Amino acid sequence: MGCLVPFLVNMVTLMVVAGFFPGFELDGLGAAFTAALLLSIINMLIRPLLVILTLPITVVTLGFFVFIINAALLMLTSELMGDLFSISSFGMALLAAVLIALLNVLINNFIVEPLRSDRS
């Protein structure tokens, strides 16, 4: 259950962003599922290494460089998926990274956490 909720939240946020921006396209629910799965794996394996390697610049930019890392990982996911998931530019990936982070916070704080506290 611990890995399933973040995966589902990623899937929802990817679909929401794809629904609002023409430069961020997912080819259906299956593509959203695959993109969320790939992004979750990439975030587990590659993101921690990138965060550690770029720690000095992240500190200097007061943490904003993390959005650059997230955008780069979104672009990597898009490249690995081919035509099923496309992002028009790095600027679009950066905007999507910021929106996905914001949506993740909102969904986790207002939906996931209240559901978890009701179960206890």
Protein backbone atom coordinates (compact mmCIF):
# COMPACT_ATOMS: atom_id res chain seq x y z
CA MET A 1 0.00 0.00 0.00
CA GLY A 2 2.93 2.34 0.68
CA CYS A 3 4.07 2.47 -2.98
CA LEU A 4 0.60 2.29 -4.50
CA VAL A 5 -0.70 5.65 -3.23
CA PRO A 6 2.21 7.78 -4.55
CA PHE A 7 1.98 5.90 -7.86
CA LEU A 8 -1.76 6.64 -8.16
CA VAL A 9 -1.23 10.28 -7.18
CA ASN A 10 1.47 10.55 -9.89
CA MET A 11 -0.90 9.03 -12.43
CA VAL A 12 -3.68 11.47 -11.55
CA THR A 13 -1.39 14.50 -11.63
CA LEU A 14 0.05 13.49 -15.01
CA MET A 15 -3.46 13.16 -16.44
CA VAL A 16 -4.55 16.52 -14.99
CA VAL A 17 -1.54 18.34 -16.42
CA ALA A 18 -2.02 16.60 -19.79
CA GLY A 19 -5.66 17.70 -19.79
CA PHE A 20 -4.80 21.37 -19.39
CA PHE A 21 -1.71 21.87 -21.57
CA PRO A 22 -1.45 20.98 -25.27
CA GLY A 23 2.36 20.72 -25.05
CA PHE A 24 2.08 17.90 -22.50
CA GLU A 25 0.34 14.94 -24.12
CA LEU A 26 -0.49 11.45 -22.91
CA ASP A 27 -2.04 8.94 -25.30
CA GLY A 28 -4.78 7.58 -23.04
CA LEU A 29 -5.13 5.91 -19.67
CA GLY A 30 -2.64 3.13 -20.48
CA ALA A 31 0.00 5.71 -21.33
CA ALA A 32 -0.72 7.55 -18.07
CA PHE A 33 -0.33 4.27 -16.16
CA THR A 34 2.95 3.47 -17.93
CA ALA A 35 4.28 7.02 -17.53
CA ALA A 36 3.44 7.02 -13.81
CA LEU A 37 5.12 3.64 -13.37
CA LEU A 38 8.24 4.71 -15.27
CA LEU A 39 8.39 8.06 -13.48
CA SER A 40 8.06 6.32 -10.10
CA ILE A 41 10.93 3.96 -10.95
CA ILE A 42 13.09 6.83 -12.25
CA ASN A 43 12.31 8.89 -9.13
CA MET A 44 13.33 5.94 -6.95
CA LEU A 45 16.58 5.13 -8.75
CA ILE A 46 17.95 8.25 -10.46
CA ARG A 47 16.46 11.24 -8.62
CA PRO A 48 18.25 10.70 -5.26
CA LEU A 49 21.62 10.55 -7.02
CA LEU A 50 20.89 13.74 -8.97
CA VAL A 51 19.71 15.54 -5.84
CA ILE A 52 22.92 14.63 -4.00
CA LEU A 53 25.16 15.56 -6.93
CA THR A 54 23.46 18.94 -7.37
CA LEU A 55 23.15 19.77 -3.68
CA PRO A 56 25.43 22.86 -3.81
CA ILE A 57 23.44 24.51 -6.61
CA THR A 58 20.18 23.48 -4.96
CA VAL A 59 21.24 25.21 -1.75
CA VAL A 60 22.32 28.35 -3.65
CA THR A 61 18.97 28.49 -5.48
CA LEU A 62 17.06 27.86 -2.23
CA GLY A 63 15.74 24.53 -3.49
CA PHE A 64 14.38 25.72 -6.83
CA PHE A 65 16.90 23.60 -8.74
CA VAL A 66 14.91 20.53 -7.68
CA PHE A 67 12.26 21.64 -10.21
CA ILE A 68 14.94 21.52 -12.93
CA ILE A 69 15.78 17.95 -11.88
CA ASN A 70 12.08 17.00 -11.90
CA ALA A 71 11.63 18.54 -15.35
CA ALA A 72 14.66 16.64 -16.68
CA LEU A 73 13.26 13.38 -15.29
CA LEU A 74 9.90 14.12 -16.91
CA MET A 75 11.71 14.65 -20.23
CA LEU A 76 13.57 11.36 -19.72
CA THR A 77 10.27 9.57 -19.08
CA SER A 78 8.82 11.15 -22.21
CA GLU A 79 11.80 10.05 -24.29
CA LEU A 80 11.60 6.48 -22.99
CA MET A 81 7.90 6.26 -23.84
CA GLY A 82 8.15 7.55 -27.38
CA ASP A 83 4.90 8.73 -28.98
CA LEU A 84 2.72 7.66 -26.04
CA PHE A 85 3.94 10.56 -23.90
CA SER A 86 5.28 13.77 -25.39
CA ILE A 87 6.43 17.06 -23.94
CA SER A 88 6.92 19.90 -26.44
CA SER A 89 9.82 21.69 -24.72
CA PHE A 90 11.90 21.89 -21.58
CA GLY A 91 9.89 24.96 -20.56
CA MET A 92 6.71 22.88 -20.70
CA ALA A 93 8.43 20.16 -18.67
CA LEU A 94 9.46 22.76 -16.09
CA LEU A 95 5.92 24.13 -15.85
CA ALA A 96 4.58 20.57 -15.57
CA ALA A 97 7.12 19.75 -12.84
CA VAL A 98 5.99 22.73 -10.77
CA LEU A 99 2.30 21.89 -11.28
CA ILE A 100 2.82 18.20 -10.51
CA ALA A 101 4.62 19.11 -7.28
CA LEU A 102 1.81 21.48 -6.32
CA LEU A 103 -0.90 18.94 -7.17
CA ASN A 104 0.98 16.24 -5.23
CA VAL A 105 1.01 18.45 -2.13
CA LEU A 106 -2.68 19.32 -2.49
CA ILE A 107 -3.82 15.74 -3.13
CA ASN A 108 -1.70 14.34 -0.30
CA ASN A 109 -2.77 16.98 2.24
CA PHE A 110 -6.47 17.19 1.41
CA ILE A 111 -7.33 13.68 0.22
CA VAL A 112 -4.73 11.06 1.18
CA GLU A 113 -3.90 12.21 4.72
CA PRO A 114 -7.54 12.67 5.83
CA LEU A 115 -8.30 9.16 4.51
CA ARG A 116 -5.33 7.72 6.39
CA SER A 117 -6.30 9.43 9.64
CA ASP A 118 -9.88 8.12 9.35
CA ARG A 119 -8.57 4.54 9.12
CA SER A 120 -6.64 4.79 12.40
